[in-house]
N, C-alpha and C. Protein backbone atom coordinates (compact mmCIF):
# COMPACT_ATOMS: atom_id res chain seq x y z
N MET A 1 7.16 18.69 9.66
CA MET A 1 7.76 17.92 8.58
C MET A 1 6.65 17.24 7.79
N THR A 2 6.76 17.30 6.49
CA THR A 2 5.75 16.66 5.65
C THR A 2 6.01 15.18 5.55
N ALA A 3 4.99 14.43 5.13
CA ALA A 3 5.12 12.98 5.02
C ALA A 3 6.19 12.60 4.01
N THR A 4 6.31 13.35 2.94
CA THR A 4 7.30 12.99 1.93
C THR A 4 8.71 13.29 2.41
N ALA A 5 8.87 14.12 3.44
CA ALA A 5 10.19 14.44 3.95
C ALA A 5 10.59 13.52 5.11
N ARG A 6 9.69 12.70 5.59
CA ARG A 6 10.00 11.81 6.71
C ARG A 6 11.05 10.79 6.29
N PRO A 7 12.01 10.54 7.19
CA PRO A 7 12.96 9.47 6.87
C PRO A 7 12.22 8.14 6.83
N LEU A 8 12.53 7.33 5.84
CA LEU A 8 11.81 6.08 5.67
C LEU A 8 12.50 4.90 6.33
N HIS A 9 13.71 5.08 6.85
CA HIS A 9 14.41 3.99 7.53
C HIS A 9 14.45 2.74 6.67
N LEU A 10 14.89 2.88 5.45
CA LEU A 10 14.85 1.79 4.50
C LEU A 10 15.74 0.61 4.86
N ASP A 11 16.68 0.83 5.78
CA ASP A 11 17.57 -0.25 6.20
C ASP A 11 17.01 -1.03 7.41
N ARG A 12 15.87 -0.61 7.92
CA ARG A 12 15.28 -1.25 9.10
C ARG A 12 14.05 -2.05 8.70
N THR A 13 13.66 -2.98 9.57
CA THR A 13 12.51 -3.85 9.32
C THR A 13 11.29 -3.33 10.06
N LEU A 14 10.14 -3.84 9.67
CA LEU A 14 8.91 -3.46 10.38
C LEU A 14 8.93 -3.94 11.83
N ASP A 15 9.55 -5.09 12.09
CA ASP A 15 9.67 -5.54 13.47
C ASP A 15 10.47 -4.55 14.30
N GLN A 16 11.44 -3.87 13.68
CA GLN A 16 12.23 -2.86 14.39
C GLN A 16 11.46 -1.55 14.54
N LEU A 17 10.71 -1.18 13.51
CA LEU A 17 10.06 0.13 13.49
C LEU A 17 8.65 0.13 14.07
N ASP A 18 7.99 -1.00 14.07
CA ASP A 18 6.57 -1.08 14.44
C ASP A 18 6.39 -2.10 15.56
N PRO A 19 6.79 -1.74 16.79
CA PRO A 19 6.68 -2.69 17.89
C PRO A 19 5.21 -3.01 18.20
N PRO A 20 4.99 -4.13 18.84
CA PRO A 20 5.99 -5.06 19.33
C PRO A 20 6.46 -6.01 18.24
N HIS A 21 7.62 -6.58 18.48
CA HIS A 21 8.18 -7.60 17.59
C HIS A 21 7.19 -8.76 17.53
N TRP A 22 6.90 -9.23 16.32
CA TRP A 22 5.98 -10.34 16.17
C TRP A 22 6.71 -11.66 16.39
N PRO A 23 6.12 -12.55 17.17
CA PRO A 23 6.73 -13.88 17.33
C PRO A 23 6.55 -14.68 16.04
N PRO A 24 7.25 -15.79 15.92
CA PRO A 24 7.05 -16.63 14.73
C PRO A 24 5.58 -17.05 14.63
N PRO A 25 5.10 -17.26 13.41
CA PRO A 25 3.70 -17.68 13.27
C PRO A 25 3.50 -19.09 13.83
N ALA A 26 2.27 -19.38 14.18
CA ALA A 26 1.93 -20.72 14.70
C ALA A 26 2.22 -21.77 13.63
N PRO A 27 2.53 -22.98 14.04
CA PRO A 27 2.82 -24.04 13.06
C PRO A 27 1.70 -24.28 12.05
N ASP A 28 0.46 -24.06 12.46
CA ASP A 28 -0.67 -24.30 11.56
C ASP A 28 -1.14 -23.02 10.87
N ALA A 29 -0.32 -21.96 10.89
CA ALA A 29 -0.70 -20.68 10.27
C ALA A 29 -0.83 -20.85 8.76
N THR A 30 -1.68 -20.03 8.18
CA THR A 30 -1.87 -20.04 6.73
C THR A 30 -0.62 -19.51 6.04
N ALA A 31 -0.54 -19.75 4.75
CA ALA A 31 0.59 -19.25 3.96
C ALA A 31 0.64 -17.72 4.02
N LEU A 32 -0.52 -17.08 3.99
CA LEU A 32 -0.56 -15.61 4.05
C LEU A 32 0.01 -15.12 5.38
N VAL A 33 -0.39 -15.73 6.47
CA VAL A 33 0.11 -15.32 7.79
C VAL A 33 1.62 -15.51 7.86
N ARG A 34 2.11 -16.63 7.37
CA ARG A 34 3.56 -16.87 7.37
C ARG A 34 4.28 -15.83 6.51
N LYS A 35 3.68 -15.50 5.38
CA LYS A 35 4.28 -14.50 4.49
C LYS A 35 4.37 -13.14 5.17
N VAL A 36 3.28 -12.70 5.78
CA VAL A 36 3.27 -11.38 6.43
C VAL A 36 4.29 -11.36 7.58
N HIS A 37 4.33 -12.42 8.36
CA HIS A 37 5.33 -12.47 9.44
C HIS A 37 6.73 -12.36 8.87
N GLY A 38 7.00 -13.06 7.78
CA GLY A 38 8.31 -13.00 7.15
C GLY A 38 8.63 -11.62 6.61
N LEU A 39 7.65 -10.96 6.02
CA LEU A 39 7.87 -9.62 5.46
C LEU A 39 8.21 -8.59 6.54
N ARG A 40 7.76 -8.82 7.75
CA ARG A 40 8.08 -7.90 8.84
C ARG A 40 9.56 -7.95 9.19
N ARG A 41 10.25 -8.95 8.71
CA ARG A 41 11.68 -9.11 9.01
C ARG A 41 12.58 -8.70 7.83
N VAL A 42 11.99 -8.15 6.79
CA VAL A 42 12.73 -7.71 5.60
C VAL A 42 12.95 -6.20 5.71
N PRO A 43 14.18 -5.71 5.47
CA PRO A 43 14.38 -4.26 5.48
C PRO A 43 13.43 -3.57 4.48
N LEU A 44 12.90 -2.43 4.87
CA LEU A 44 11.91 -1.73 4.04
C LEU A 44 12.43 -1.50 2.62
N GLY A 45 13.69 -1.20 2.47
CA GLY A 45 14.25 -0.94 1.16
C GLY A 45 14.30 -2.16 0.25
N ARG A 46 14.09 -3.33 0.80
CA ARG A 46 14.11 -4.56 0.01
C ARG A 46 12.72 -5.08 -0.29
N LEU A 47 11.68 -4.40 0.19
CA LEU A 47 10.31 -4.82 -0.10
C LEU A 47 9.96 -4.46 -1.53
N GLY A 48 9.49 -5.43 -2.29
CA GLY A 48 9.08 -5.19 -3.66
C GLY A 48 7.61 -4.84 -3.76
N PRO A 49 7.13 -4.55 -4.96
CA PRO A 49 5.72 -4.21 -5.14
C PRO A 49 4.75 -5.28 -4.62
N ALA A 50 5.04 -6.55 -4.86
CA ALA A 50 4.15 -7.61 -4.37
C ALA A 50 4.15 -7.66 -2.85
N ASP A 51 5.31 -7.44 -2.24
CA ASP A 51 5.40 -7.41 -0.78
C ASP A 51 4.57 -6.26 -0.22
N LEU A 52 4.71 -5.09 -0.84
CA LEU A 52 3.95 -3.93 -0.38
C LEU A 52 2.45 -4.16 -0.55
N ARG A 53 2.06 -4.77 -1.66
CA ARG A 53 0.66 -5.06 -1.89
C ARG A 53 0.11 -5.97 -0.78
N THR A 54 0.89 -6.98 -0.41
CA THR A 54 0.47 -7.88 0.66
C THR A 54 0.32 -7.14 1.97
N LEU A 55 1.32 -6.36 2.35
CA LEU A 55 1.28 -5.64 3.62
C LEU A 55 0.17 -4.59 3.65
N VAL A 56 0.01 -3.86 2.56
CA VAL A 56 -1.05 -2.84 2.52
C VAL A 56 -2.42 -3.50 2.58
N SER A 57 -2.62 -4.55 1.82
CA SER A 57 -3.95 -5.18 1.80
C SER A 57 -4.28 -5.83 3.15
N GLN A 58 -3.25 -6.22 3.90
CA GLN A 58 -3.48 -6.77 5.23
C GLN A 58 -3.43 -5.70 6.32
N GLN A 59 -3.22 -4.45 5.90
CA GLN A 59 -3.18 -3.29 6.79
C GLN A 59 -2.14 -3.45 7.90
N VAL A 60 -0.96 -3.89 7.50
CA VAL A 60 0.15 -4.09 8.43
C VAL A 60 1.09 -2.89 8.34
N ALA A 61 1.31 -2.25 9.47
CA ALA A 61 2.29 -1.15 9.58
C ALA A 61 2.10 -0.10 8.49
N LEU A 62 0.87 0.32 8.28
CA LEU A 62 0.57 1.28 7.21
C LEU A 62 1.39 2.57 7.29
N PRO A 63 1.70 3.10 8.46
CA PRO A 63 2.50 4.32 8.47
C PRO A 63 3.87 4.16 7.79
N TYR A 64 4.35 2.94 7.69
CA TYR A 64 5.64 2.69 7.06
C TYR A 64 5.51 2.21 5.61
N VAL A 65 4.52 1.39 5.33
CA VAL A 65 4.43 0.82 3.99
C VAL A 65 3.62 1.67 3.01
N LEU A 66 2.66 2.43 3.51
CA LEU A 66 1.85 3.26 2.63
C LEU A 66 2.69 4.27 1.84
N PRO A 67 3.62 4.99 2.46
CA PRO A 67 4.44 5.92 1.67
C PRO A 67 5.27 5.20 0.59
N LEU A 68 5.74 4.00 0.89
CA LEU A 68 6.51 3.25 -0.10
C LEU A 68 5.64 2.85 -1.28
N ALA A 69 4.42 2.40 -0.99
CA ALA A 69 3.50 2.02 -2.06
C ALA A 69 3.13 3.23 -2.91
N VAL A 70 2.84 4.35 -2.28
CA VAL A 70 2.46 5.55 -3.03
C VAL A 70 3.61 6.02 -3.90
N ARG A 71 4.81 5.93 -3.40
CA ARG A 71 5.97 6.35 -4.20
C ARG A 71 6.03 5.55 -5.51
N LEU A 72 5.78 4.25 -5.45
CA LEU A 72 5.74 3.43 -6.67
C LEU A 72 4.57 3.82 -7.56
N LEU A 73 3.42 4.05 -6.94
CA LEU A 73 2.20 4.34 -7.70
C LEU A 73 2.24 5.69 -8.39
N LEU A 74 2.94 6.64 -7.83
CA LEU A 74 3.05 7.94 -8.49
C LEU A 74 3.86 7.82 -9.77
N GLU A 75 4.77 6.86 -9.82
CA GLU A 75 5.54 6.61 -11.03
C GLU A 75 4.75 5.78 -12.04
N GLU A 76 3.99 4.80 -11.53
CA GLU A 76 3.25 3.89 -12.40
C GLU A 76 1.94 3.49 -11.69
N PRO A 77 0.88 4.29 -11.84
CA PRO A 77 -0.35 4.04 -11.09
C PRO A 77 -0.96 2.65 -11.28
N LEU A 78 -0.84 2.10 -12.46
CA LEU A 78 -1.46 0.80 -12.71
C LEU A 78 -0.46 -0.35 -12.65
N LEU A 79 0.56 -0.18 -11.85
CA LEU A 79 1.58 -1.19 -11.65
C LEU A 79 0.95 -2.54 -11.32
N ASP A 80 1.41 -3.57 -11.99
CA ASP A 80 0.99 -4.95 -11.72
C ASP A 80 1.94 -5.50 -10.67
N ALA A 81 1.54 -5.47 -9.40
CA ALA A 81 2.41 -5.90 -8.32
C ALA A 81 2.47 -7.42 -8.20
N TYR A 82 1.34 -8.08 -8.43
CA TYR A 82 1.33 -9.53 -8.24
C TYR A 82 0.22 -10.23 -9.01
N PHE A 83 -1.01 -9.73 -8.89
CA PHE A 83 -2.17 -10.42 -9.46
C PHE A 83 -2.61 -9.87 -10.81
N TYR A 84 -2.68 -8.55 -10.94
CA TYR A 84 -3.19 -7.93 -12.15
C TYR A 84 -2.80 -6.47 -12.17
N GLU A 85 -2.89 -5.86 -13.34
CA GLU A 85 -2.59 -4.45 -13.48
C GLU A 85 -3.51 -3.65 -12.55
N GLY A 86 -2.91 -2.81 -11.73
CA GLY A 86 -3.68 -1.98 -10.81
C GLY A 86 -3.91 -2.58 -9.44
N ASP A 87 -3.38 -3.78 -9.17
CA ASP A 87 -3.65 -4.43 -7.89
C ASP A 87 -3.07 -3.66 -6.69
N LEU A 88 -1.89 -3.10 -6.84
CA LEU A 88 -1.31 -2.31 -5.76
C LEU A 88 -2.12 -1.03 -5.55
N LEU A 89 -2.55 -0.42 -6.63
CA LEU A 89 -3.36 0.80 -6.54
C LEU A 89 -4.66 0.52 -5.79
N LEU A 90 -5.35 -0.55 -6.14
CA LEU A 90 -6.61 -0.85 -5.47
C LEU A 90 -6.41 -1.19 -4.00
N ALA A 91 -5.35 -1.90 -3.68
CA ALA A 91 -5.06 -2.20 -2.28
C ALA A 91 -4.77 -0.91 -1.52
N THR A 92 -4.00 -0.02 -2.14
CA THR A 92 -3.59 1.21 -1.48
C THR A 92 -4.75 2.18 -1.31
N THR A 93 -5.57 2.32 -2.32
CA THR A 93 -6.70 3.26 -2.21
C THR A 93 -7.81 2.71 -1.32
N GLY A 94 -7.75 1.44 -0.99
CA GLY A 94 -8.76 0.83 -0.14
C GLY A 94 -8.46 0.85 1.35
N VAL A 95 -7.35 1.45 1.75
CA VAL A 95 -7.03 1.49 3.18
C VAL A 95 -7.96 2.47 3.90
N PRO A 96 -8.14 2.29 5.20
CA PRO A 96 -9.03 3.19 5.95
C PRO A 96 -8.59 4.65 5.90
N ALA A 97 -9.55 5.53 6.00
CA ALA A 97 -9.28 6.97 5.96
C ALA A 97 -8.29 7.39 7.04
N ALA A 98 -8.31 6.74 8.18
CA ALA A 98 -7.40 7.10 9.27
C ALA A 98 -5.94 6.97 8.83
N ALA A 99 -5.64 6.00 8.00
CA ALA A 99 -4.26 5.84 7.51
C ALA A 99 -3.87 7.03 6.64
N TRP A 100 -4.78 7.49 5.81
CA TRP A 100 -4.50 8.64 4.94
C TRP A 100 -4.37 9.92 5.74
N SER A 101 -5.00 10.01 6.89
CA SER A 101 -4.91 11.23 7.69
C SER A 101 -3.47 11.49 8.15
N LEU A 102 -2.65 10.45 8.19
CA LEU A 102 -1.24 10.61 8.53
C LEU A 102 -0.43 11.22 7.39
N PHE A 103 -0.94 11.07 6.16
CA PHE A 103 -0.22 11.49 4.97
C PHE A 103 -1.13 12.25 4.01
N PRO A 104 -1.67 13.38 4.43
CA PRO A 104 -2.61 14.09 3.55
C PRO A 104 -2.00 14.50 2.22
N ASP A 105 -0.72 14.87 2.21
CA ASP A 105 -0.10 15.27 0.95
C ASP A 105 0.06 14.08 0.00
N LEU A 106 0.42 12.92 0.53
CA LEU A 106 0.52 11.72 -0.31
C LEU A 106 -0.85 11.33 -0.85
N GLY A 107 -1.86 11.41 -0.01
CA GLY A 107 -3.22 11.11 -0.46
C GLY A 107 -3.65 12.03 -1.58
N ALA A 108 -3.35 13.31 -1.44
CA ALA A 108 -3.72 14.29 -2.47
C ALA A 108 -2.98 14.00 -3.77
N ARG A 109 -1.71 13.68 -3.68
CA ARG A 109 -0.93 13.38 -4.89
C ARG A 109 -1.44 12.12 -5.57
N LEU A 110 -1.79 11.10 -4.78
CA LEU A 110 -2.30 9.87 -5.39
C LEU A 110 -3.68 10.10 -5.98
N ARG A 111 -4.52 10.89 -5.30
CA ARG A 111 -5.84 11.22 -5.86
C ARG A 111 -5.70 11.89 -7.22
N ALA A 112 -4.76 12.81 -7.32
CA ALA A 112 -4.54 13.51 -8.59
C ALA A 112 -4.08 12.54 -9.67
N ALA A 113 -3.21 11.62 -9.32
CA ALA A 113 -2.73 10.63 -10.30
C ALA A 113 -3.87 9.73 -10.75
N VAL A 114 -4.72 9.32 -9.83
CA VAL A 114 -5.85 8.45 -10.17
C VAL A 114 -6.84 9.22 -11.04
N ALA A 115 -7.08 10.47 -10.71
CA ALA A 115 -8.03 11.28 -11.49
C ALA A 115 -7.58 11.46 -12.93
N GLU A 116 -6.29 11.36 -13.19
CA GLU A 116 -5.77 11.53 -14.54
C GLU A 116 -5.76 10.24 -15.36
N LEU A 117 -6.12 9.11 -14.75
CA LEU A 117 -6.11 7.85 -15.49
C LEU A 117 -7.16 7.89 -16.59
N PRO A 118 -6.82 7.42 -17.78
CA PRO A 118 -7.80 7.41 -18.87
C PRO A 118 -8.92 6.40 -18.60
N GLN A 119 -10.10 6.71 -19.08
CA GLN A 119 -11.25 5.83 -18.89
C GLN A 119 -10.98 4.42 -19.40
N GLN A 120 -10.26 4.31 -20.50
CA GLN A 120 -9.95 3.01 -21.07
C GLN A 120 -9.16 2.15 -20.07
N ALA A 121 -8.25 2.76 -19.33
CA ALA A 121 -7.48 2.04 -18.33
C ALA A 121 -8.37 1.60 -17.17
N LEU A 122 -9.29 2.48 -16.77
CA LEU A 122 -10.22 2.13 -15.69
C LEU A 122 -11.14 0.99 -16.10
N ASP A 123 -11.55 1.00 -17.36
CA ASP A 123 -12.44 -0.05 -17.86
C ASP A 123 -11.76 -1.41 -17.88
N ALA A 124 -10.44 -1.43 -17.94
CA ALA A 124 -9.70 -2.69 -17.99
C ALA A 124 -9.49 -3.30 -16.61
N LEU A 125 -9.81 -2.55 -15.56
CA LEU A 125 -9.64 -3.05 -14.19
C LEU A 125 -10.79 -4.00 -13.84
N PRO A 126 -10.61 -4.79 -12.78
CA PRO A 126 -11.69 -5.70 -12.37
C PRO A 126 -13.00 -4.96 -12.09
N ARG A 127 -14.09 -5.69 -12.21
CA ARG A 127 -15.43 -5.12 -11.98
C ARG A 127 -15.48 -4.41 -10.62
N GLY A 128 -16.01 -3.23 -10.62
CA GLY A 128 -16.17 -2.44 -9.39
C GLY A 128 -14.97 -1.57 -9.05
N ALA A 129 -13.84 -1.81 -9.70
CA ALA A 129 -12.64 -1.06 -9.37
C ALA A 129 -12.77 0.43 -9.69
N ALA A 130 -13.39 0.75 -10.82
CA ALA A 130 -13.54 2.16 -11.19
C ALA A 130 -14.34 2.91 -10.14
N GLY A 131 -15.37 2.28 -9.59
CA GLY A 131 -16.16 2.91 -8.53
C GLY A 131 -15.35 3.10 -7.26
N GLU A 132 -14.54 2.11 -6.92
CA GLU A 132 -13.68 2.24 -5.73
C GLU A 132 -12.70 3.39 -5.91
N LEU A 133 -12.13 3.49 -7.09
CA LEU A 133 -11.18 4.58 -7.35
C LEU A 133 -11.88 5.94 -7.35
N ALA A 134 -13.10 5.99 -7.86
CA ALA A 134 -13.86 7.25 -7.84
C ALA A 134 -14.14 7.68 -6.40
N ARG A 135 -14.46 6.73 -5.53
CA ARG A 135 -14.68 7.05 -4.11
C ARG A 135 -13.40 7.59 -3.48
N PHE A 136 -12.28 6.97 -3.83
CA PHE A 136 -11.00 7.45 -3.30
C PHE A 136 -10.72 8.88 -3.75
N VAL A 137 -10.88 9.14 -5.04
CA VAL A 137 -10.63 10.48 -5.58
C VAL A 137 -11.54 11.51 -4.89
N ALA A 138 -12.77 11.10 -4.59
CA ALA A 138 -13.73 12.01 -3.94
C ALA A 138 -13.46 12.16 -2.45
N GLY A 139 -12.48 11.39 -1.93
CA GLY A 139 -12.14 11.50 -0.50
C GLY A 139 -12.98 10.64 0.39
N ARG A 140 -13.57 9.59 -0.17
CA ARG A 140 -14.40 8.69 0.64
C ARG A 140 -13.77 7.30 0.70
N GLU A 141 -12.45 7.28 0.96
CA GLU A 141 -11.74 6.00 1.01
C GLU A 141 -12.06 5.24 2.28
N GLY A 142 -11.60 3.97 2.27
CA GLY A 142 -11.68 3.13 3.46
C GLY A 142 -12.93 2.51 3.68
């Protein structure tokens, strides 16, 4: 079965799909830690672009969230998830190579989409982003 054909279990949460269940965060946990813990309790189908950006950038449950992020990026590669145009793309292309090995077809499709981005769009990204994307397209992610 290919990665794009895998059931995504959109009605289930990461705590259900990615054991073990995470306990509540410590009382003195940072806002980011509290946010990630909370996102693990949201059904996958209700995670928005900003949620996916947070989970991907923190490398939480990548086998479940990476396909969701790529699905959005194939429609709109420079999607502004939370901080700036292209933030979800940069978070997604920056994951370790091992995560992409689970989804070679998704990686290839995203590489093709990135390779088609106009230079003007790449120039508008934060400093160093074009180089990071070039490494991803060349297969040297992570």
